[in-house]
Amino acid sequence: MLGAVVDAPSTSQLAEAVGVSVASASQHAAILRAAGLITTDRAGPAVRHALTPLGEHLLREGRPVGVSPR
């Protein structure tokens, strides 16, 4: 799900990209937002999601921040 946010999709685009319902994508986005990994902006009816620096770092490194590889 986090990787699908790279291109700043809408919730419906996010749902389509990962093969889930719009409601499920919205719930996932809320969890990622609460974790500080994405931001969500509304402009009229459109809602766009974007990675935060922490979300970008997590995708780039492939492991949680502060966890060293074994």
PDB file of N, CA and C in Angstrom:
ATOM      1  N   MET A   1       0.834  -1.188   0.000  1.00  0.00           N
ATOM      2  CA  MET A   1       0.000   0.000   0.000  1.00  0.00           C
ATOM      3  C   MET A   1       0.876   1.249   0.000  1.00  0.00           C
ATOM      4  N   LEU A   2       1.901   1.269   0.845  1.00  0.00           N
ATOM      5  CA  LEU A   2       2.751   2.455   0.930  1.00  0.00           C
ATOM      6  C   LEU A   2       3.414   2.742  -0.419  1.00  0.00           C
ATOM      7  N   GLY A   3       3.872   1.720  -1.086  1.00  0.00           N
ATOM      8  CA  GLY A   3       4.516   1.902  -2.386  1.00  0.00           C
ATOM      9  C   GLY A   3       3.593   2.473  -3.436  1.00  0.00           C
ATOM     10  N   ALA A   4       2.298   2.236  -3.305  1.00  0.00           N
ATOM     11  CA  ALA A   4       1.331   2.748  -4.275  1.00  0.00           C
ATOM     12  C   ALA A   4       1.074   4.236  -4.096  1.00  0.00           C
ATOM     13  N   VAL A   5       1.558   4.820  -3.003  1.00  0.00           N
ATOM     14  CA  VAL A   5       1.340   6.248  -2.740  1.00  0.00           C
ATOM     15  C   VAL A   5       2.391   7.112  -3.435  1.00  0.00           C
ATOM     16  N   VAL A   6       3.400   6.507  -4.002  1.00  0.00           N
ATOM     17  CA  VAL A   6       4.522   7.256  -4.601  1.00  0.00           C
ATOM     18  C   VAL A   6       4.063   8.313  -5.603  1.00  0.00           C
ATOM     19  N   ASP A   7       3.054   8.020  -6.414  1.00  0.00           N
ATOM     20  CA  ASP A   7       2.610   8.958  -7.449  1.00  0.00           C
ATOM     21  C   ASP A   7       1.464   9.872  -7.017  1.00  0.00           C
ATOM     22  N   ALA A   8       1.276  10.058  -5.706  1.00  0.00           N
ATOM     23  CA  ALA A   8       0.232  10.928  -5.143  1.00  0.00           C
ATOM     24  C   ALA A   8      -1.152  10.610  -5.697  1.00  0.00           C
ATOM     25  N   PRO A   9      -1.612   9.372  -5.497  1.00  0.00           N
ATOM     26  CA  PRO A   9      -2.914   8.990  -6.039  1.00  0.00           C
ATOM     27  C   PRO A   9      -4.086   9.495  -5.207  1.00  0.00           C
ATOM     28  N   SER A  10      -5.252   9.464  -5.821  1.00  0.00           N
ATOM     29  CA  SER A  10      -6.490   9.679  -5.074  1.00  0.00           C
ATOM     30  C   SER A  10      -6.797   8.364  -4.362  1.00  0.00           C
ATOM     31  N   THR A  11      -7.791   8.375  -3.494  1.00  0.00           N
ATOM     32  CA  THR A  11      -8.157   7.148  -2.786  1.00  0.00           C
ATOM     33  C   THR A  11      -8.633   6.080  -3.761  1.00  0.00           C
ATOM     34  N   SER A  12      -9.422   6.453  -4.749  1.00  0.00           N
ATOM     35  CA  SER A  12      -9.904   5.457  -5.715  1.00  0.00           C
ATOM     36  C   SER A  12      -8.757   4.919  -6.563  1.00  0.00           C
ATOM     37  N   GLN A  13      -7.799   5.760  -6.928  1.00  0.00           N
ATOM     38  CA  GLN A  13      -6.629   5.283  -7.676  1.00  0.00           C
ATOM     39  C   GLN A  13      -5.785   4.347  -6.812  1.00  0.00           C
ATOM     40  N   LEU A  14      -5.661   4.666  -5.540  1.00  0.00           N
ATOM     41  CA  LEU A  14      -4.926   3.826  -4.611  1.00  0.00           C
ATOM     42  C   LEU A  14      -5.604   2.459  -4.504  1.00  0.00           C
ATOM     43  N   ALA A  15      -6.915   2.451  -4.384  1.00  0.00           N
ATOM     44  CA  ALA A  15      -7.668   1.195  -4.302  1.00  0.00           C
ATOM     45  C   ALA A  15      -7.460   0.344  -5.546  1.00  0.00           C
ATOM     46  N   GLU A  16      -7.535   0.981  -6.700  1.00  0.00           N
ATOM     47  CA  GLU A  16      -7.345   0.258  -7.961  1.00  0.00           C
ATOM     48  C   GLU A  16      -5.925  -0.294  -8.077  1.00  0.00           C
ATOM     49  N   ALA A  17      -4.948   0.486  -7.658  1.00  0.00           N
ATOM     50  CA  ALA A  17      -3.547   0.071  -7.777  1.00  0.00           C
ATOM     51  C   ALA A  17      -3.229  -1.173  -6.952  1.00  0.00           C
ATOM     52  N   VAL A  18      -3.865  -1.315  -5.803  1.00  0.00           N
ATOM     53  CA  VAL A  18      -3.558  -2.456  -4.940  1.00  0.00           C
ATOM     54  C   VAL A  18      -4.657  -3.512  -4.928  1.00  0.00           C
ATOM     55  N   GLY A  19      -5.746  -3.268  -5.651  1.00  0.00           N
ATOM     56  CA  GLY A  19      -6.784  -4.276  -5.786  1.00  0.00           C
ATOM     57  C   GLY A  19      -7.678  -4.456  -4.576  1.00  0.00           C
ATOM     58  N   VAL A  20      -8.028  -3.344  -3.932  1.00  0.00           N
ATOM     59  CA  VAL A  20      -8.944  -3.400  -2.792  1.00  0.00           C
ATOM     60  C   VAL A  20     -10.090  -2.424  -3.035  1.00  0.00           C
ATOM     61  N   SER A  21     -11.086  -2.470  -2.181  1.00  0.00           N
ATOM     62  CA  SER A  21     -12.200  -1.531  -2.300  1.00  0.00           C
ATOM     63  C   SER A  21     -11.743  -0.121  -1.904  1.00  0.00           C
ATOM     64  N   VAL A  22     -12.496   0.864  -2.315  1.00  0.00           N
ATOM     65  CA  VAL A  22     -12.186   2.243  -1.948  1.00  0.00           C
ATOM     66  C   VAL A  22     -12.253   2.408  -0.431  1.00  0.00           C
ATOM     67  N   ALA A  23     -13.240   1.777   0.202  1.00  0.00           N
ATOM     68  CA  ALA A  23     -13.354   1.866   1.661  1.00  0.00           C
ATOM     69  C   ALA A  23     -12.116   1.283   2.343  1.00  0.00           C
ATOM     70  N   SER A  24     -11.629   0.165   1.842  1.00  0.00           N
ATOM     71  CA  SER A  24     -10.428  -0.457   2.414  1.00  0.00           C
ATOM     72  C   SER A  24      -9.210   0.432   2.193  1.00  0.00           C
ATOM     73  N   ALA A  25      -9.089   0.999   0.999  1.00  0.00           N
ATOM     74  CA  ALA A  25      -7.966   1.898   0.715  1.00  0.00           C
ATOM     75  C   ALA A  25      -8.007   3.105   1.636  1.00  0.00           C
ATOM     76  N   SER A  26      -9.200   3.613   1.907  1.00  0.00           N
ATOM     77  CA  SER A  26      -9.355   4.748   2.806  1.00  0.00           C
ATOM     78  C   SER A  26      -8.909   4.389   4.218  1.00  0.00           C
ATOM     79  N   GLN A  27      -9.271   3.200   4.674  1.00  0.00           N
ATOM     80  CA  GLN A  27      -8.851   2.743   6.004  1.00  0.00           C
ATOM     81  C   GLN A  27      -7.334   2.587   6.070  1.00  0.00           C
ATOM     82  N   HIS A  28      -6.751   1.998   5.030  1.00  0.00           N
ATOM     83  CA  HIS A  28      -5.287   1.842   4.990  1.00  0.00           C
ATOM     84  C   HIS A  28      -4.606   3.202   5.011  1.00  0.00           C
ATOM     85  N   ALA A  29      -5.140   4.142   4.230  1.00  0.00           N
ATOM     86  CA  ALA A  29      -4.570   5.486   4.188  1.00  0.00           C
ATOM     87  C   ALA A  29      -4.631   6.142   5.563  1.00  0.00           C
ATOM     88  N   ALA A  30      -5.725   5.946   6.278  1.00  0.00           N
ATOM     89  CA  ALA A  30      -5.855   6.521   7.622  1.00  0.00           C
ATOM     90  C   ALA A  30      -4.785   5.968   8.559  1.00  0.00           C
ATOM     91  N   ILE A  31      -4.502   4.681   8.447  1.00  0.00           N
ATOM     92  CA  ILE A  31      -3.472   4.061   9.289  1.00  0.00           C
ATOM     93  C   ILE A  31      -2.087   4.577   8.923  1.00  0.00           C
ATOM     94  N   LEU A  32      -1.807   4.665   7.623  1.00  0.00           N
ATOM     95  CA  LEU A  32      -0.508   5.190   7.179  1.00  0.00           C
ATOM     96  C   LEU A  32      -0.343   6.653   7.593  1.00  0.00           C
ATOM     97  N   ARG A  33      -1.431   7.421   7.524  1.00  0.00           N
ATOM     98  CA  ARG A  33      -1.396   8.830   7.942  1.00  0.00           C
ATOM     99  C   ARG A  33      -1.139   8.937   9.441  1.00  0.00           C
ATOM    100  N   ALA A  34      -1.808   8.107  10.232  1.00  0.00           N
ATOM    101  CA  ALA A  34      -1.620   8.119  11.688  1.00  0.00           C
ATOM    102  C   ALA A  34      -0.196   7.726  12.074  1.00  0.00           C
ATOM    103  N   ALA A  35       0.429   6.902  11.247  1.00  0.00           N
ATOM    104  CA  ALA A  35       1.808   6.485  11.501  1.00  0.00           C
ATOM    105  C   ALA A  35       2.821   7.512  11.010  1.00  0.00           C
ATOM    106  N   GLY A  36       2.339   8.579  10.360  1.00  0.00           N
ATOM    107  CA  GLY A  36       3.233   9.625   9.868  1.00  0.00           C
ATOM    108  C   GLY A  36       3.927   9.278   8.569  1.00  0.00           C
ATOM    109  N   LEU A  37       3.386   8.298   7.826  1.00  0.00           N
ATOM    110  CA  LEU A  37       4.028   7.855   6.587  1.00  0.00           C
ATOM    111  C   LEU A  37       3.479   8.531   5.343  1.00  0.00           C
ATOM    112  N   ILE A  38       2.252   9.058   5.422  1.00  0.00           N
ATOM    113  CA  ILE A  38       1.661   9.781   4.301  1.00  0.00           C
ATOM    114  C   ILE A  38       0.924  11.010   4.812  1.00  0.00           C
ATOM    115  N   THR A  39       0.657  11.914   3.894  1.00  0.00           N
ATOM    116  CA  THR A  39      -0.233  13.041   4.163  1.00  0.00           C
ATOM    117  C   THR A  39      -1.412  12.911   3.218  1.00  0.00           C
ATOM    118  N   THR A  40      -2.519  13.528   3.571  1.00  0.00           N
ATOM    119  CA  THR A  40      -3.707  13.511   2.731  1.00  0.00           C
ATOM    120  C   THR A  40      -4.216  14.935   2.627  1.00  0.00           C
ATOM    121  N   ASP A  41      -4.440  15.366   1.391  1.00  0.00           N
ATOM    122  CA  ASP A  41      -4.940  16.722   1.147  1.00  0.00           C
ATOM    123  C   ASP A  41      -6.221  16.644   0.345  1.00  0.00           C
ATOM    124  N   ARG A  42      -7.183  17.476   0.714  1.00  0.00           N
ATOM    125  CA  ARG A  42      -8.456  17.532   0.001  1.00  0.00           C
ATOM    126  C   ARG A  42      -8.536  18.859  -0.744  1.00  0.00           C
ATOM    127  N   ALA A  43      -8.932  18.765  -2.013  1.00  0.00           N
ATOM    128  CA  ALA A  43      -9.194  19.945  -2.832  1.00  0.00           C
ATOM    129  C   ALA A  43     -10.547  19.730  -3.490  1.00  0.00           C
ATOM    130  N   GLY A  44     -11.599  20.252  -2.869  1.00  0.00           N
ATOM    131  CA  GLY A  44     -12.949  19.982  -3.364  1.00  0.00           C
ATOM    132  C   GLY A  44     -13.261  18.511  -3.155  1.00  0.00           C
ATOM    133  N   PRO A  45     -13.751  17.843  -4.190  1.00  0.00           N
ATOM    134  CA  PRO A  45     -14.075  16.421  -4.041  1.00  0.00           C
ATOM    135  C   PRO A  45     -12.857  15.499  -4.121  1.00  0.00           C
ATOM    136  N   ALA A  46     -11.746  16.019  -4.581  1.00  0.00           N
ATOM    137  CA  ALA A  46     -10.553  15.187  -4.763  1.00  0.00           C
ATOM    138  C   ALA A  46      -9.747  15.074  -3.469  1.00  0.00           C
ATOM    139  N   VAL A  47      -9.258  13.865  -3.205  1.00  0.00           N
ATOM    140  CA  VAL A  47      -8.396  13.599  -2.058  1.00  0.00           C
ATOM    141  C   VAL A  47      -7.125  12.967  -2.606  1.00  0.00           C
ATOM    142  N   ARG A  48      -5.994  13.547  -2.291  1.00  0.00           N
ATOM    143  CA  ARG A  48      -4.703  13.038  -2.774  1.00  0.00           C
ATOM    144  C   ARG A  48      -3.842  12.646  -1.592  1.00  0.00           C
ATOM    145  N   HIS A  49      -3.117  11.565  -1.763  1.00  0.00           N
ATOM    146  CA  HIS A  49      -2.220  11.063  -0.731  1.00  0.00           C
ATOM    147  C   HIS A  49      -0.787  11.209  -1.224  1.00  0.00           C
ATOM    148  N   ALA A  50       0.123  11.561  -0.326  1.00  0.00           N
ATOM    149  CA  ALA A  50       1.532  11.724  -0.678  1.00  0.00           C
ATOM    150  C   ALA A  50       2.401  11.191   0.455  1.00  0.00           C
ATOM    151  N   LEU A  51       3.578  10.721   0.089  1.00  0.00           N
ATOM    152  CA  LEU A  51       4.521  10.228   1.090  1.00  0.00           C
ATOM    153  C   LEU A  51       5.106  11.373   1.899  1.00  0.00           C
ATOM    154  N   THR A  52       5.345  11.131   3.164  1.00  0.00           N
ATOM    155  CA  THR A  52       6.106  12.064   3.996  1.00  0.00           C
ATOM    156  C   THR A  52       7.575  11.673   3.849  1.00  0.00           C
ATOM    157  N   PRO A  53       8.489  12.487   4.335  1.00  0.00           N
ATOM    158  CA  PRO A  53       9.899  12.079   4.305  1.00  0.00           C
ATOM    159  C   PRO A  53      10.130  10.732   4.996  1.00  0.00           C
ATOM    160  N   LEU A  54       9.413  10.479   6.089  1.00  0.00           N
ATOM    161  CA  LEU A  54       9.547   9.197   6.774  1.00  0.00           C
ATOM    162  C   LEU A  54       9.058   8.055   5.886  1.00  0.00           C
ATOM    163  N   GLY A  55       7.928   8.240   5.211  1.00  0.00           N
ATOM    164  CA  GLY A  55       7.419   7.225   4.290  1.00  0.00           C
ATOM    165  C   GLY A  55       8.386   6.954   3.153  1.00  0.00           C
ATOM    166  N   GLU A  56       8.974   8.016   2.604  1.00  0.00           N
ATOM    167  CA  GLU A  56       9.979   7.862   1.538  1.00  0.00           C
ATOM    168  C   GLU A  56      11.178   7.082   2.050  1.00  0.00           C
ATOM    169  N   HIS A  57      11.628   7.408   3.246  1.00  0.00           N
ATOM    170  CA  HIS A  57      12.778   6.725   3.832  1.00  0.00           C
ATOM    171  C   HIS A  57      12.484   5.239   4.022  1.00  0.00           C
ATOM    172  N   LEU A  58      11.319   4.922   4.526  1.00  0.00           N
ATOM    173  CA  LEU A  58      10.949   3.535   4.760  1.00  0.00           C
ATOM    174  C   LEU A  58      10.934   2.751   3.453  1.00  0.00           C
ATOM    175  N   LEU A  59      10.383   3.329   2.405  1.00  0.00           N
ATOM    176  CA  LEU A  59      10.382   2.649   1.109  1.00  0.00           C
ATOM    177  C   LEU A  59      11.788   2.476   0.562  1.00  0.00           C
ATOM    178  N   ARG A  60      12.593   3.501   0.704  1.00  0.00           N
ATOM    179  CA  ARG A  60      13.956   3.470   0.168  1.00  0.00           C
ATOM    180  C   ARG A  60      14.810   2.438   0.897  1.00  0.00           C
ATOM    181  N   GLU A  61      14.680   2.375   2.203  1.00  0.00           N
ATOM    182  CA  GLU A  61      15.512   1.489   3.008  1.00  0.00           C
ATOM    183  C   GLU A  61      14.949   0.075   3.121  1.00  0.00           C
ATOM    184  N   GLY A  62      13.642  -0.061   3.003  1.00  0.00           N
ATOM    185  CA  GLY A  62      13.032  -1.367   3.059  1.00  0.00           C
ATOM    186  C   GLY A  62      12.947  -1.977   4.458  1.00  0.00           C
ATOM    187  N   ARG A  63      13.131  -1.172   5.458  1.00  0.00           N
ATOM    188  CA  ARG A  63      13.001  -1.666   6.838  1.00  0.00           C
ATOM    189  C   ARG A  63      12.606  -0.475   7.720  1.00  0.00           C
ATOM    190  N   PRO A  64      12.014  -0.755   8.868  1.00  0.00           N
ATOM    191  CA  PRO A  64      11.606   0.345   9.752  1.00  0.00           C
ATOM    192  C   PRO A  64      12.791   1.184  10.216  1.00  0.00           C
ATOM    193  N   VAL A  65      12.556   2.456  10.408  1.00  0.00           N
ATOM    194  CA  VAL A  65      13.586   3.365  10.903  1.00  0.00           C
ATOM    195  C   VAL A  65      14.027   2.894  12.285  1.00  0.00           C
ATOM    196  N   GLY A  66      15.318   2.872  12.531  1.00  0.00           N
ATOM    197  CA  GLY A  66      15.851   2.486  13.832  1.00  0.00           C
ATOM    198  C   GLY A  66      16.061   0.997  13.986  1.00  0.00           C
ATOM    199  N   VAL A  67      15.753   0.210  12.959  1.00  0.00           N
ATOM    200  CA  VAL A  67      15.975  -1.228  13.028  1.00  0.00           C
ATOM    201  C   VAL A  67      17.155  -1.565  12.144  1.00  0.00           C
ATOM    202  N   SER A  68      18.204  -2.080  12.736  1.00  0.00           N
ATOM    203  CA  SER A  68      19.381  -2.403  11.940  1.00  0.00           C
ATOM    204  C   SER A  68      19.216  -3.781  11.296  1.00  0.00           C
ATOM    205  N   PRO A  69      19.801  -3.966  10.105  1.00  0.00           N
ATOM    206  CA  PRO A  69      19.686  -5.260   9.431  1.00  0.00           C
ATOM    207  C   PRO A  69      20.446  -6.328  10.222  1.00  0.00           C
ATOM    208  N   ARG A  70      19.977  -7.552  10.131  1.00  0.00           N
ATOM    209  CA  ARG A  70      20.641  -8.644  10.849  1.00  0.00           C
ATOM    210  C   ARG A  70      21.647  -9.330   9.983  1.00  0.00           C
TER     211      ARG A  70
END
